[in-house]
Amino acid sequence: MTSITISRQFQAVLQSSIIFIITFLTFSAFFISLESQSPASKTLHISQSECKAWSTHRKWKSLKFKITKRTKLFVKLEDFFWRKDVSRLPLPYGMQGSELLLLKVLAATANYDMPAHIENLDCRTCVVVGNGYSIRNTSLGSLINKYDVVIRLNDAPVRGYEEDVGNKTTMRIFYPESASSNPGLHNDEDTLMVMVPFKPQDLRWLKEILNDEKRDSRGFWKPPPLIWLGHRSKVRVLDPHFMHQTANKLLHIPFPPKIKQKSFHPTTGILAVFVALNYCDVVHVAGFGYPPKQDQQQPIHYYGNQTMKSMKDSSHNISREARALKKLEDLEAITYLHPHQ
């Protein structure tokens, strides 16, 4: 009788142990599955076919873009004297009337190229990180850091937001009013600071900064930094050709505007996407998309307190840009890294 009781107790213990082990393994598999599906665990897998498709696919014909990996993004001092197609348009679409300011800026920077280790890549993977609220809580930071080229905009912060936006920055596209006094706070040591001149005053500001001249803050809609700690060797000036083509080919903004018609310029965000399409083999985007216009209290950035209300008198046509991005997405020219509106 005693041996039977011991046998039954042993069977009960064994059965409980088996149930425990099965339960443990089931929950472990469940949590591992959840973890593997989280954005933070994503890895960057780009096939050779994806790399080659961007310059040969018929979608470029429908967009009428001139895509080439040999595209030079920045204005060069030596090119300035020999270019046969000197623009007859004023800023931001050409350099007419600002040639002397440009020459003085270029003479002070003396560097006009992308880093050789990026130029020489067989397949350039690029991500344009927008400043939109949509990137909040996406945990995309580690994935963003894996791209060859990470393009950021204006004075968007990195510190404190690394989990969502990463901390690698290859290029930061900005203009004086959107410049941060100390670029070293939210950029890498080798980040290229790419100036987009919207008006002659922008080049004047950069000339005064680079040559340590007396600052003149007239002509800006917002006072730019009077002290800017960016290193001149990392400064580049984006060729106005890209702003003109963004407006003309991508957004179809008429130029010059009709009389009494409000003039719109592309945002630095849509400009950065167009630059990436011209320079990169694979273009992904994150942090793009505005909330509905009727939701005036919705935050528009992943940082700060600005809401849609602040866009009321904007000089940008965000509806037109949203349609252009949707077209690029539908044509698979760009890929979003997260859900968006």
C-alpha atoms as a PDB file:
ATOM      1  CA  MET A   1       0.000   0.000   0.000  1.00  0.00           C
ATOM      2  CA  THR A   2       2.819   2.357   0.834  1.00  0.00           C
ATOM      3  CA  SER A   3       4.622   1.646  -2.463  1.00  0.00           C
ATOM      4  CA  ILE A   4       1.412   2.403  -4.401  1.00  0.00           C
ATOM      5  CA  THR A   5       1.033   5.732  -2.590  1.00  0.00           C
ATOM      6  CA  ILE A   6       4.664   6.670  -3.342  1.00  0.00           C
ATOM      7  CA  SER A   7       4.163   5.714  -6.999  1.00  0.00           C
ATOM      8  CA  ARG A   8       1.058   7.905  -7.266  1.00  0.00           C
ATOM      9  CA  GLN A   9       2.884  10.825  -5.623  1.00  0.00           C
ATOM     10  CA  PHE A  10       5.788  10.394  -8.049  1.00  0.00           C
ATOM     11  CA  GLN A  11       3.391  10.388 -11.014  1.00  0.00           C
ATOM     12  CA  ALA A  12       1.717  13.561  -9.726  1.00  0.00           C
ATOM     13  CA  VAL A  13       5.059  15.327  -9.318  1.00  0.00           C
ATOM     14  CA  LEU A  14       6.169  14.186 -12.756  1.00  0.00           C
ATOM     15  CA  GLN A  15       2.914  15.356 -14.334  1.00  0.00           C
ATOM     16  CA  SER A  16       3.188  18.762 -12.630  1.00  0.00           C
ATOM     17  CA  SER A  17       6.785  19.109 -13.827  1.00  0.00           C
ATOM     18  CA  ILE A  18       5.809  18.316 -17.410  1.00  0.00           C
ATOM     19  CA  ILE A  19       2.969  20.865 -17.309  1.00  0.00           C
ATOM     20  CA  PHE A  20       5.351  23.484 -15.890  1.00  0.00           C
ATOM     21  CA  ILE A  21       7.957  22.833 -18.590  1.00  0.00           C
ATOM     22  CA  ILE A  22       5.372  23.008 -21.389  1.00  0.00           C
ATOM     23  CA  THR A  23       3.919  26.237 -19.984  1.00  0.00           C
ATOM     24  CA  PHE A  24       7.383  27.771 -19.609  1.00  0.00           C
ATOM     25  CA  LEU A  25       8.368  26.890 -23.171  1.00  0.00           C
ATOM     26  CA  THR A  26       5.087  28.198 -24.550  1.00  0.00           C
ATOM     27  CA  PHE A  27       5.442  31.582 -22.833  1.00  0.00           C
ATOM     28  CA  SER A  28       9.114  31.794 -23.803  1.00  0.00           C
ATOM     29  CA  ALA A  29       8.269  31.190 -27.454  1.00  0.00           C
ATOM     30  CA  PHE A  30       5.500  33.783 -27.251  1.00  0.00           C
ATOM     31  CA  PHE A  31       7.748  36.507 -25.849  1.00  0.00           C
ATOM     32  CA  ILE A  32      10.549  35.680 -28.277  1.00  0.00           C
ATOM     33  CA  SER A  33       8.042  36.025 -31.098  1.00  0.00           C
ATOM     34  CA  LEU A  34       6.892  39.396 -29.801  1.00  0.00           C
ATOM     35  CA  GLU A  35      10.456  40.589 -29.492  1.00  0.00           C
ATOM     36  CA  SER A  36      11.319  39.483 -33.029  1.00  0.00           C
ATOM     37  CA  GLN A  37       8.354  41.474 -34.354  1.00  0.00           C
ATOM     38  CA  SER A  38       9.275  44.720 -32.581  1.00  0.00           C
ATOM     39  CA  PRO A  39      10.746  47.547 -34.703  1.00  0.00           C
ATOM     40  CA  ALA A  40      13.860  47.692 -32.528  1.00  0.00           C
ATOM     41  CA  SER A  41      14.888  44.205 -33.583  1.00  0.00           C
ATOM     42  CA  LYS A  42      14.546  44.842 -37.316  1.00  0.00           C
ATOM     43  CA  THR A  43      17.629  44.364 -39.421  1.00  0.00           C
ATOM     44  CA  LEU A  44      18.475  46.063 -42.677  1.00  0.00           C
ATOM     45  CA  HIS A  45      18.273  43.540 -45.520  1.00  0.00           C
ATOM     46  CA  ILE A  46      18.744  45.041 -48.984  1.00  0.00           C
ATOM     47  CA  SER A  47      18.955  42.653 -51.920  1.00  0.00           C
ATOM     48  CA  GLN A  48      21.170  43.221 -54.955  1.00  0.00           C
ATOM     49  CA  SER A  49      18.071  43.438 -57.123  1.00  0.00           C
ATOM     50  CA  GLU A  50      16.726  46.294 -54.987  1.00  0.00           C
ATOM     51  CA  CYS A  51      19.990  48.167 -55.417  1.00  0.00           C
ATOM     52  CA  LYS A  52      19.918  47.885 -59.197  1.00  0.00           C
ATOM     53  CA  ALA A  53      16.198  48.512 -59.625  1.00  0.00           C
ATOM     54  CA  TRP A  54      16.213  52.182 -58.651  1.00  0.00           C
ATOM     55  CA  SER A  55      18.100  53.462 -61.682  1.00  0.00           C
ATOM     56  CA  THR A  56      16.530  51.139 -64.264  1.00  0.00           C
ATOM     57  CA  HIS A  57      12.882  50.774 -63.256  1.00  0.00           C
ATOM     58  CA  ARG A  58      10.254  52.339 -65.492  1.00  0.00           C
ATOM     59  CA  LYS A  59       8.969  54.418 -62.552  1.00  0.00           C
ATOM     60  CA  TRP A  60      11.700  56.964 -63.226  1.00  0.00           C
ATOM     61  CA  LYS A  61      10.283  57.465 -66.706  1.00  0.00           C
ATOM     62  CA  SER A  62       6.885  58.325 -65.269  1.00  0.00           C
ATOM     63  CA  LEU A  63       8.478  60.742 -62.809  1.00  0.00           C
ATOM     64  CA  LYS A  64      10.740  62.228 -65.507  1.00  0.00           C
ATOM     65  CA  PHE A  65      13.677  62.368 -63.104  1.00  0.00           C
ATOM     66  CA  LYS A  66      17.278  62.391 -64.203  1.00  0.00           C
ATOM     67  CA  ILE A  67      18.677  59.765 -61.876  1.00  0.00           C
ATOM     68  CA  THR A  68      22.381  58.974 -61.776  1.00  0.00           C
ATOM     69  CA  LYS A  69      24.720  57.766 -59.059  1.00  0.00           C
ATOM     70  CA  ARG A  70      27.279  60.226 -60.375  1.00  0.00           C
ATOM     71  CA  THR A  71      25.101  63.145 -59.331  1.00  0.00           C
ATOM     72  CA  LYS A  72      27.079  65.816 -57.472  1.00  0.00           C
ATOM     73  CA  LEU A  73      25.031  67.324 -54.699  1.00  0.00           C
ATOM     74  CA  PHE A  74      27.048  70.373 -53.722  1.00  0.00           C
ATOM     75  CA  VAL A  75      28.197  73.523 -55.477  1.00  0.00           C
ATOM     76  CA  LYS A  76      31.938  73.570 -56.166  1.00  0.00           C
ATOM     77  CA  LEU A  77      34.199  76.579 -56.539  1.00  0.00           C
ATOM     78  CA  GLU A  78      35.949  75.208 -59.623  1.00  0.00           C
ATOM     79  CA  ASP A  79      32.665  74.288 -61.314  1.00  0.00           C
ATOM     80  CA  PHE A  80      31.307  77.766 -60.813  1.00  0.00           C
ATOM     81  CA  PHE A  81      33.622  79.280 -63.419  1.00  0.00           C
ATOM     82  CA  TRP A  82      33.174  76.590 -66.069  1.00  0.00           C
ATOM     83  CA  ARG A  83      29.533  75.615 -65.913  1.00  0.00           C
ATOM     84  CA  LYS A  84      27.746  76.187 -69.197  1.00  0.00           C
ATOM     85  CA  ASP A  85      24.277  76.052 -67.657  1.00  0.00           C
ATOM     86  CA  VAL A  86      24.590  78.941 -65.205  1.00  0.00           C
ATOM     87  CA  SER A  87      21.101  79.446 -63.830  1.00  0.00           C
ATOM     88  CA  ARG A  88      19.118  82.521 -64.698  1.00  0.00           C
ATOM     89  CA  LEU A  89      16.850  82.041 -61.722  1.00  0.00           C
ATOM     90  CA  PRO A  90      17.302  83.742 -58.342  1.00  0.00           C
ATOM     91  CA  LEU A  91      17.384  81.840 -55.059  1.00  0.00           C
ATOM     92  CA  PRO A  92      16.126  79.394 -53.976  1.00  0.00           C
ATOM     93  CA  TYR A  93      16.002  77.945 -57.525  1.00  0.00           C
ATOM     94  CA  GLY A  94      19.205  79.434 -58.930  1.00  0.00           C
ATOM     95  CA  MET A  95      22.149  81.655 -58.071  1.00  0.00           C
ATOM     96  CA  GLN A  96      21.396  84.671 -60.234  1.00  0.00           C
ATOM     97  CA  GLY A  97      22.305  87.817 -58.312  1.00  0.00           C
ATOM     98  CA  SER A  98      24.054  85.890 -55.514  1.00  0.00           C
ATOM     99  CA  GLU A  99      27.182  84.781 -57.365  1.00  0.00           C
ATOM    100  CA  LEU A 100      29.642  86.926 -55.414  1.00  0.00           C
ATOM    101  CA  LEU A 101      28.272  85.791 -52.046  1.00  0.00           C
ATOM    102  CA  LEU A 102      28.463  82.185 -53.189  1.00  0.00           C
ATOM    103  CA  LEU A 103      32.070  82.552 -54.288  1.00  0.00           C
ATOM    104  CA  LYS A 104      33.064  83.968 -50.912  1.00  0.00           C
ATOM    105  CA  VAL A 105      31.311  81.128 -49.090  1.00  0.00           C
ATOM    106  CA  LEU A 106      32.900  78.447 -51.260  1.00  0.00           C
ATOM    107  CA  ALA A 107      36.336  79.993 -50.866  1.00  0.00           C
ATOM    108  CA  ALA A 108      35.952  79.723 -47.091  1.00  0.00           C
ATOM    109  CA  THR A 109      34.802  76.080 -47.036  1.00  0.00           C
ATOM    110  CA  ALA A 110      37.214  74.501 -49.556  1.00  0.00           C
ATOM    111  CA  ASN A 111      35.405  71.129 -49.393  1.00  0.00           C
ATOM    112  CA  TYR A 112      32.694  70.214 -51.848  1.00  0.00           C
ATOM    113  CA  ASP A 113      32.251  66.432 -51.912  1.00  0.00           C
ATOM    114  CA  MET A 114      30.661  63.547 -50.063  1.00  0.00           C
ATOM    115  CA  PRO A 115      33.077  61.333 -48.085  1.00  0.00           C
ATOM    116  CA  ALA A 116      34.949  58.857 -50.280  1.00  0.00           C
ATOM    117  CA  HIS A 117      33.765  55.814 -48.315  1.00  0.00           C
ATOM    118  CA  ILE A 118      30.178  56.707 -49.299  1.00  0.00           C
ATOM    119  CA  GLU A 119      30.953  57.820 -52.837  1.00  0.00           C
ATOM    120  CA  ASN A 120      32.634  54.487 -53.570  1.00  0.00           C
ATOM    121  CA  LEU A 121      29.778  52.266 -52.375  1.00  0.00           C
ATOM    122  CA  ASP A 122      28.245  49.942 -54.955  1.00  0.00           C
ATOM    123  CA  CYS A 123      24.854  50.323 -53.298  1.00  0.00           C
ATOM    124  CA  ARG A 124      24.012  53.359 -51.196  1.00  0.00           C
ATOM    125  CA  THR A 125      21.234  52.789 -48.664  1.00  0.00           C
ATOM    126  CA  CYS A 126      19.713  56.015 -47.390  1.00  0.00           C
ATOM    127  CA  VAL A 127      17.083  57.002 -44.873  1.00  0.00           C
ATOM    128  CA  VAL A 128      15.580  60.466 -44.600  1.00  0.00           C
ATOM    129  CA  VAL A 129      14.492  61.105 -41.018  1.00  0.00           C
ATOM    130  CA  GLY A 130      11.703  63.655 -40.946  1.00  0.00           C
ATOM    131  CA  ASN A 131      10.741  65.629 -37.867  1.00  0.00           C
ATOM    132  CA  GLY A 132       7.143  64.429 -37.743  1.00  0.00           C
ATOM    133  CA  TYR A 133       5.329  63.195 -34.652  1.00  0.00           C
ATOM    134  CA  SER A 134       4.691  59.903 -36.440  1.00  0.00           C
ATOM    135  CA  ILE A 135       8.160  58.628 -35.516  1.00  0.00           C
ATOM    136  CA  ARG A 136       7.402  58.799 -31.785  1.00  0.00           C
ATOM    137  CA  ASN A 137       7.362  55.407 -30.013  1.00  0.00           C
ATOM    138  CA  THR A 138       8.492  53.495 -33.117  1.00  0.00           C
ATOM    139  CA  SER A 139      11.787  52.225 -31.641  1.00  0.00           C
ATOM    140  CA  LEU A 140      13.413  52.646 -35.052  1.00  0.00           C
ATOM    141  CA  GLY A 141      16.658  54.099 -33.741  1.00  0.00           C
ATOM    142  CA  SER A 142      18.848  51.018 -34.067  1.00  0.00           C
ATOM    143  CA  LEU A 143      17.563  50.355 -37.599  1.00  0.00           C
ATOM    144  CA  ILE A 144      18.120  53.956 -38.721  1.00  0.00           C
ATOM    145  CA  ASN A 145      21.740  53.767 -37.570  1.00  0.00           C
ATOM    146  CA  LYS A 146      22.407  50.896 -40.020  1.00  0.00           C
ATOM    147  CA  TYR A 147      21.909  52.901 -43.214  1.00  0.00           C
ATOM    148  CA  ASP A 148      24.903  54.161 -45.187  1.00  0.00           C
ATOM    149  CA  VAL A 149      23.487  57.672 -45.306  1.00  0.00           C
ATOM    150  CA  VAL A 150      21.219  59.170 -42.635  1.00  0.00           C
ATOM    151  CA  ILE A 151      19.766  62.563 -43.588  1.00  0.00           C
ATOM    152  CA  ARG A 152      18.274  64.796 -40.897  1.00  0.00           C
ATOM    153  CA  LEU A 153      16.547  68.157 -41.085  1.00  0.00           C
ATOM    154  CA  ASN A 154      17.039  71.573 -39.564  1.00  0.00           C
ATOM    155  CA  ASP A 155      17.638  71.630 -35.794  1.00  0.00           C
ATOM    156  CA  ALA A 156      15.807  68.385 -34.973  1.00  0.00           C
ATOM    157  CA  PRO A 157      17.370  66.959 -31.782  1.00  0.00           C
ATOM    158  CA  VAL A 158      18.892  63.514 -31.404  1.00  0.00           C
ATOM    159  CA  ARG A 159      19.927  63.362 -27.763  1.00  0.00           C
ATOM    160  CA  GLY A 160      17.081  62.063 -25.643  1.00  0.00           C
ATOM    161  CA  TYR A 161      15.283  60.616 -28.675  1.00  0.00           C
ATOM    162  CA  GLU A 162      17.808  57.991 -29.760  1.00  0.00           C
ATOM    163  CA  GLU A 163      15.473  55.023 -29.260  1.00  0.00           C
ATOM    164  CA  ASP A 164      13.088  56.331 -31.931  1.00  0.00           C
ATOM    165  CA  VAL A 165      15.324  58.360 -34.273  1.00  0.00           C
ATOM    166  CA  GLY A 166      18.819  56.889 -33.805  1.00  0.00           C
ATOM    167  CA  ASN A 167      21.970  58.942 -33.347  1.00  0.00           C
ATOM    168  CA  LYS A 168      23.830  58.612 -36.648  1.00  0.00           C
ATOM    169  CA  THR A 169      23.792  61.654 -38.928  1.00  0.00           C
ATOM    170  CA  THR A 170      25.545  61.740 -42.286  1.00  0.00           C
ATOM    171  CA  MET A 171      24.008  64.954 -43.579  1.00  0.00           C
ATOM    172  CA  ARG A 172      21.930  67.630 -41.901  1.00  0.00           C
ATOM    173  CA  ILE A 173      20.067  69.921 -44.278  1.00  0.00           C
ATOM    174  CA  PHE A 174      19.399  73.362 -42.810  1.00  0.00           C
ATOM    175  CA  TYR A 175      19.092  77.110 -43.444  1.00  0.00           C
ATOM    176  CA  PRO A 176      20.046  79.994 -41.097  1.00  0.00           C
ATOM    177  CA  GLU A 177      16.731  80.269 -39.259  1.00  0.00           C
ATOM    178  CA  SER A 178      16.760  76.533 -38.586  1.00  0.00           C
ATOM    179  CA  ALA A 179      20.415  76.329 -37.533  1.00  0.00           C
ATOM    180  CA  SER A 180      21.464  75.216 -34.063  1.00  0.00           C
ATOM    181  CA  SER A 181      24.198  77.333 -32.459  1.00  0.00           C
ATOM    182  CA  ASN A 182      26.211  74.240 -31.583  1.00  0.00           C
ATOM    183  CA  PRO A 183      25.895  71.513 -34.244  1.00  0.00           C
ATOM    184  CA  GLY A 184      28.051  69.230 -32.101  1.00  0.00           C
ATOM    185  CA  LEU A 185      25.191  68.631 -29.662  1.00  0.00           C
ATOM    186  CA  HIS A 186      23.056  66.550 -32.016  1.00  0.00           C
ATOM    187  CA  ASN A 187      25.432  65.521 -34.812  1.00  0.00           C
ATOM    188  CA  ASP A 188      28.455  63.300 -35.316  1.00  0.00           C
ATOM    189  CA  GLU A 189      31.927  64.775 -35.700  1.00  0.00           C
ATOM    190  CA  ASP A 190      31.898  63.976 -39.421  1.00  0.00           C
ATOM    191  CA  THR A 191      28.315  65.110 -40.130  1.00  0.00           C
ATOM    192  CA  LEU A 192      28.062  67.284 -43.235  1.00  0.00           C
ATOM    193  CA  MET A 193      26.178  70.522 -42.544  1.00  0.00           C
ATOM    194  CA  VAL A 194      24.362  71.167 -45.828  1.00  0.00           C
ATOM    195  CA  MET A 195      23.158  74.737 -46.296  1.00  0.00           C
ATOM    196  CA  VAL A 196      20.042  75.294 -48.407  1.00  0.00           C
ATOM    197  CA  PRO A 197      20.045  78.974 -49.425  1.00  0.00           C
ATOM    198  CA  PHE A 198      16.500  80.268 -49.803  1.00  0.00           C
ATOM    199  CA  LYS A 199      17.566  83.916 -50.227  1.00  0.00           C
ATOM    200  CA  PRO A 200      20.754  86.008 -50.591  1.00  0.00           C
ATOM    201  CA  GLN A 201      20.726  86.787 -46.865  1.00  0.00           C
ATOM    202  CA  ASP A 202      21.282  83.081 -46.153  1.00  0.00           C
ATOM    203  CA  LEU A 203      24.575  83.098 -48.033  1.00  0.00           C
ATOM    204  CA  ARG A 204      25.501  86.393 -46.423  1.00  0.00           C
ATOM    205  CA  TRP A 205      24.938  84.877 -42.962  1.00  0.00           C
ATOM    206  CA  LEU A 206      27.114  81.887 -43.791  1.00  0.00           C
ATOM    207  CA  LYS A 207      29.854  84.130 -45.230  1.00  0.00           C
ATOM    208  CA  GLU A 208      29.859  86.252 -42.069  1.00  0.00           C
ATOM    209  CA  ILE A 209      29.988  83.161 -39.859  1.00  0.00           C
ATOM    210  CA  LEU A 210      32.807  81.466 -41.773  1.00  0.00           C
ATOM    211  CA  ASN A 211      34.917  84.629 -42.010  1.00  0.00           C
ATOM    212  CA  ASP A 212      34.066  85.854 -38.499  1.00  0.00           C
ATOM    213  CA  GLU A 213      32.661  89.118 -39.817  1.00  0.00           C
ATOM    214  CA  LYS A 214      30.154  91.437 -38.212  1.00  0.00           C
ATOM    215  CA  ARG A 215      26.740  89.758 -38.252  1.00  0.00           C
ATOM    216  CA  ASP A 216      23.750  91.357 -39.962  1.00  0.00           C
ATOM    217  CA  SER A 217      20.462  89.846 -38.834  1.00  0.00           C
ATOM    218  CA  ARG A 218      18.250  91.856 -41.200  1.00  0.00           C
ATOM    219  CA  GLY A 219      16.146  90.038 -43.764  1.00  0.00           C
ATOM    220  CA  PHE A 220      15.334  86.905 -41.740  1.00  0.00           C
ATOM    221  CA  TRP A 221      11.886  85.811 -40.610  1.00  0.00           C
ATOM    222  CA  LYS A 222      13.509  84.551 -37.416  1.00  0.00           C
ATOM    223  CA  PRO A 223      16.887  85.677 -35.983  1.00  0.00           C
ATOM    224  CA  PRO A 224      19.567  83.127 -36.936  1.00  0.00           C
ATOM    225  CA  PRO A 225      22.377  82.253 -34.517  1.00  0.00           C
ATOM    226  CA  LEU A 226      24.980  84.999 -34.235  1.00  0.00           C
ATOM    227  CA  ILE A 227      27.481  82.375 -33.083  1.00  0.00           C
ATOM    228  CA  TRP A 228      27.610  79.092 -34.946  1.00  0.00           C
ATOM    229  CA  LEU A 229      30.131  76.452 -33.890  1.00  0.00           C
ATOM    230  CA  GLY A 230      30.034  74.334 -37.023  1.00  0.00           C
ATOM    231  CA  HIS A 231      33.385  73.408 -38.567  1.00  0.00           C
ATOM    232  CA  ARG A 232      33.994  74.961 -41.983  1.00  0.00           C
ATOM    233  CA  SER A 233      35.443  71.731 -43.392  1.00  0.00           C
ATOM    234  CA  LYS A 234      32.045  70.071 -42.897  1.00  0.00           C
ATOM    235  CA  VAL A 235      29.989  72.847 -44.517  1.00  0.00           C
ATOM    236  CA  ARG A 236      28.442  72.237 -47.926  1.00  0.00           C
ATOM    237  CA  VAL A 237      26.091  74.322 -50.118  1.00  0.00           C
ATOM    238  CA  LEU A 238      23.376  72.303 -51.842  1.00  0.00           C
ATOM    239  CA  ASP A 239      23.136  73.002 -55.551  1.00  0.00           C
ATOM    240  CA  PRO A 240      19.920  75.037 -56.155  1.00  0.00           C
ATOM    241  CA  HIS A 241      19.245  72.661 -59.051  1.00  0.00           C
ATOM    242  CA  PHE A 242      17.737  70.232 -56.527  1.00  0.00           C
ATOM    243  CA  MET A 243      15.369  72.819 -55.074  1.00  0.00           C
ATOM    244  CA  HIS A 244      14.276  73.804 -58.577  1.00  0.00           C
ATOM    245  CA  GLN A 245      13.709  70.193 -59.640  1.00  0.00           C
ATOM    246  CA  THR A 246      11.843  69.398 -56.407  1.00  0.00           C
ATOM    247  CA  ALA A 247       9.473  72.284 -57.061  1.00  0.00           C
ATOM    248  CA  ASN A 248       9.213  71.725 -60.799  1.00  0.00           C
ATOM    249  CA  LYS A 249       9.348  67.948 -61.333  1.00  0.00           C
ATOM    250  CA  LEU A 250       8.065  66.611 -58.029  1.00  0.00           C
ATOM    251  CA  LEU A 251       5.609  69.231 -56.737  1.00  0.00           C
ATOM    252  CA  HIS A 252       4.763  70.937 -60.047  1.00  0.00           C
ATOM    253  CA  ILE A 253       4.853  74.379 -58.457  1.00  0.00           C
ATOM    254  CA  PRO A 254       4.565  77.046 -61.174  1.00  0.00           C
ATOM    255  CA  PHE A 255       7.507  79.436 -61.415  1.00  0.00           C
ATOM    256  CA  PRO A 256       7.352  82.342 -61.440  1.00  0.00           C
ATOM    257  CA  PRO A 257       4.047  82.463 -59.515  1.00  0.00           C
ATOM    258  CA  LYS A 258       1.104  84.215 -61.101  1.00  0.00           C
ATOM    259  CA  ILE A 259       0.260  87.735 -60.021  1.00  0.00           C
ATOM    260  CA  LYS A 260      -1.472  87.834 -56.616  1.00  0.00           C
ATOM    261  CA  GLN A 261      -0.804  84.110 -56.198  1.00  0.00           C
ATOM    262  CA  LYS A 262       0.847  83.077 -52.955  1.00  0.00           C
ATOM    263  CA  SER A 263       4.339  81.748 -53.513  1.00  0.00           C
ATOM    264  CA  PHE A 264       5.142  78.322 -52.067  1.00  0.00           C
ATOM    265  CA  HIS A 265       8.564  76.733 -51.636  1.00  0.00           C
ATOM    266  CA  PRO A 266       9.352  73.072 -50.943  1.00  0.00           C
ATOM    267  CA  THR A 267      10.093  72.135 -47.347  1.00  0.00           C
ATOM    268  CA  THR A 268      13.555  70.900 -46.444  1.00  0.00           C
ATOM    269  CA  GLY A 269      11.918  67.505 -45.861  1.00  0.00           C
ATOM    270  CA  ILE A 270      10.584  66.975 -49.384  1.00  0.00           C
ATOM    271  CA  LEU A 271      13.822  68.477 -50.726  1.00  0.00           C
ATOM    272  CA  ALA A 272      15.836  65.914 -48.747  1.00  0.00           C
ATOM    273  CA  VAL A 273      13.739  63.093 -50.210  1.00  0.00           C
ATOM    274  CA  PHE A 274      14.417  64.356 -53.734  1.00  0.00           C
ATOM    275  CA  VAL A 275      18.138  64.648 -52.983  1.00  0.00           C
ATOM    276  CA  ALA A 276      18.151  61.070 -51.700  1.00  0.00           C
ATOM    277  CA  LEU A 277      16.327  59.832 -54.808  1.00  0.00           C
ATOM    278  CA  ASN A 278      19.051  61.381 -56.955  1.00  0.00           C
ATOM    279  CA  TYR A 279      21.988  60.148 -54.897  1.00  0.00           C
ATOM    280  CA  CYS A 280      20.971  56.846 -53.314  1.00  0.00           C
ATOM    281  CA  ASP A 281      20.111  53.398 -54.632  1.00  0.00           C
ATOM    282  CA  VAL A 282      17.624  52.612 -51.849  1.00  0.00           C
ATOM    283  CA  VAL A 283      15.556  55.360 -50.195  1.00  0.00           C
ATOM    284  CA  HIS A 284      13.574  54.810 -47.005  1.00  0.00           C
ATOM    285  CA  VAL A 285      11.829  57.480 -44.965  1.00  0.00           C
ATOM    286  CA  ALA A 286      10.595  57.931 -41.415  1.00  0.00           C
ATOM    287  CA  GLY A 287       8.963  60.778 -39.528  1.00  0.00           C
ATOM    288  CA  PHE A 288       6.976  62.113 -42.489  1.00  0.00           C
ATOM    289  CA  GLY A 289       3.289  62.953 -42.621  1.00  0.00           C
ATOM    290  CA  TYR A 290       1.191  65.735 -41.110  1.00  0.00           C
ATOM    291  CA  PRO A 291      -1.940  65.133 -39.015  1.00  0.00           C
ATOM    292  CA  PRO A 292      -5.309  66.180 -40.465  1.00  0.00           C
ATOM    293  CA  LYS A 293      -5.711  69.958 -40.851  1.00  0.00           C
ATOM    294  CA  GLN A 294      -8.829  69.982 -38.725  1.00  0.00           C
ATOM    295  CA  ASP A 295      -6.861  68.683 -35.745  1.00  0.00           C
ATOM    296  CA  GLN A 296      -5.206  72.000 -34.884  1.00  0.00           C
ATOM    297  CA  GLN A 297      -3.924  70.859 -31.480  1.00  0.00           C
ATOM    298  CA  GLN A 298      -2.085  67.788 -32.745  1.00  0.00           C
ATOM    299  CA  PRO A 299       1.715  68.011 -32.293  1.00  0.00           C
ATOM    300  CA  ILE A 300       3.594  68.102 -35.596  1.00  0.00           C
ATOM    301  CA  HIS A 301       7.105  67.225 -34.363  1.00  0.00           C
ATOM    302  CA  TYR A 302       8.506  64.392 -32.266  1.00  0.00           C
ATOM    303  CA  TYR A 303      10.023  67.123 -30.080  1.00  0.00           C
ATOM    304  CA  GLY A 304       8.836  70.515 -28.836  1.00  0.00           C
ATOM    305  CA  ASN A 305       5.297  71.839 -28.513  1.00  0.00           C
ATOM    306  CA  GLN A 306       4.384  73.064 -32.000  1.00  0.00           C
ATOM    307  CA  THR A 307       0.948  72.014 -33.241  1.00  0.00           C
ATOM    308  CA  MET A 308      -0.847  72.102 -36.585  1.00  0.00           C
ATOM    309  CA  LYS A 309      -2.065  75.577 -35.655  1.00  0.00           C
ATOM    310  CA  SER A 310       1.445  76.898 -36.316  1.00  0.00           C
ATOM    311  CA  MET A 311       1.190  75.776 -39.960  1.00  0.00           C
ATOM    312  CA  LYS A 312      -1.730  78.109 -40.686  1.00  0.00           C
ATOM    313  CA  ASP A 313       0.353  80.777 -42.437  1.00  0.00           C
ATOM    314  CA  SER A 314       3.103  78.478 -43.670  1.00  0.00           C
ATOM    315  CA  SER A 315       4.896  79.232 -46.939  1.00  0.00           C
ATOM    316  CA  HIS A 316       4.761  75.501 -47.729  1.00  0.00           C
ATOM    317  CA  ASN A 317       1.997  73.589 -49.460  1.00  0.00           C
ATOM    318  CA  ILE A 318       1.811  70.523 -47.236  1.00  0.00           C
ATOM    319  CA  SER A 319      -1.166  69.035 -49.093  1.00  0.00           C
ATOM    320  CA  ARG A 320       0.749  69.113 -52.364  1.00  0.00           C
ATOM    321  CA  GLU A 321       3.777  67.549 -50.664  1.00  0.00           C
ATOM    322  CA  ALA A 322       1.630  64.812 -49.108  1.00  0.00           C
ATOM    323  CA  ARG A 323       0.304  63.886 -52.560  1.00  0.00           C
ATOM    324  CA  ALA A 324       3.834  63.807 -53.983  1.00  0.00           C
ATOM    325  CA  LEU A 325       5.061  61.508 -51.210  1.00  0.00           C
ATOM    326  CA  LYS A 326       2.045  59.250 -51.726  1.00  0.00           C
ATOM    327  CA  LYS A 327       2.873  58.997 -55.425  1.00  0.00           C
ATOM    328  CA  LEU A 328       6.503  58.124 -54.644  1.00  0.00           C
ATOM    329  CA  GLU A 329       5.326  55.479 -52.201  1.00  0.00           C
ATOM    330  CA  ASP A 330       2.842  53.997 -54.671  1.00  0.00           C
ATOM    331  CA  LEU A 331       5.602  53.778 -57.281  1.00  0.00           C
ATOM    332  CA  GLU A 332       7.833  52.088 -54.683  1.00  0.00           C
ATOM    333  CA  ALA A 333      10.434  54.819 -55.122  1.00  0.00           C
ATOM    334  CA  ILE A 334      10.420  55.301 -51.345  1.00  0.00           C
ATOM    335  CA  THR A 335       9.502  53.003 -48.467  1.00  0.00           C
ATOM    336  CA  TYR A 336       8.168  54.126 -45.103  1.00  0.00           C
ATOM    337  CA  LEU A 337       9.641  52.468 -42.028  1.00  0.00           C
ATOM    338  CA  HIS A 338       6.462  52.864 -39.974  1.00  0.00           C
ATOM    339  CA  PRO A 339       2.685  53.259 -40.431  1.00  0.00           C
ATOM    340  CA  HIS A 340       1.612  56.760 -41.439  1.00  0.00           C
ATOM    341  CA  GLN A 341      -1.390  58.788 -42.511  1.00  0.00           C
END
